Amino acid sequence: MTAQVTGRFAPSPSGRMHLGNLFSALLAWLSVRSVGGRMLLRIEDLDPDRCRREYALQLMDDLSWLGLDWDGEPCWQSERTELYARAFRRLEERGLIYPCYCTRAERLAASAPHRSDGERIYDGRCRRLTPEQRTELARTRRPAFRVRVPEQEICFTDLCRGPQREDLARDCGDFILRRSDGVYAYQLAVVVDDGSAGVTQVVRGSDLLSSTARQLWLYRLLDLPAPEFAHVPLLLAPDGRRLSKRDGDLDVGALRTRFSPAQLLGRLALLAGLQAGPDPVTPAELAGNFSWGRVPRADIVVRPELFG
């Protein structure tokens, strides 16, 4: 008997969702509902400086308006800090955690670019500090905490992008698990949350593809079951910019004034390769004919006239 697929949509309530957020949410929902699976909603509100509860309530209303439902009550990361602390302590007890006193400028100076995506790879300078040096630095700085990664290759097959491989030491480097302000980092929180919730499938934007190897490694360290992954193409403006909340591109509030849910879904389905035109459609109709083989791998330029 095949186990039930459990997926999730995990937005950060740092502003109104835009078209790219809806695109990822739709594909996550379709991948789960097309096989009769369970869909969870997690609110990633760990960062108190950026996240607001009113944004979370608004994004839930936007998802409901579009017809993308979820099972059970939403999970709030801000209420799960003790779980992250427990996982952090397990890694600390194994000698895998060390304090990093580098300022942002020092981190950049001690890093090299990561392939073509611009991510910086930390060179591990604070890993080599003596106890005396750490004591001296601690007098004036609050450290972040990093995890030591081994020279180990991680391989996995992405549902959307195919076979992937990454060497942790070369392509990732030691990464932060707890910030200097005490907030637990995304890499740790997402692994604890998905593992404890029994998530078997993670669908998210391709900008997070480089996070996957380090997360798969953390699943193993914490004895948590790892999900399969699908990294979907990003939606781009005609000038090549990635759609973002900061720029206010194709804000869901504005889209709701111009389109019905079925009209907006039809346009999203066209971008996803799930139908030939922008004909109005319901989520259930799309789920009946969903296949990852139809979803493009490359990022997608959004034509202004499609959503004008």
Foldseek 3Di string as FASTA:
>chain_A
DDDAAEEEQEEELQFFDFPQSVLLLLVRQLVRVLRPHAYAYEHEHLDVVRHDVVSVVVVVVLCVQLVRDHDDDYHYLNVCVVLLVVLVVLLVVVVFKDWDFDDPVRQQVQWDAAPPPRDTAHPCPRVPDDPVVVVVSVVPGQTFMWGADDQDKDWAAAQQAGIDIDGCCPRPHIDTQAHSVGGGDPLSSVLSVCQVVVRAEYGEAPVCVSSPRVSVVSCVSSVGDDHHYHHAAFEAEPVGHGDDRVVVHRGSVVLVVPDRSQQSVLLSCCQQQQDVHSGGDGSVVSSNRDDSVRGHRYHHYDDPVSRD
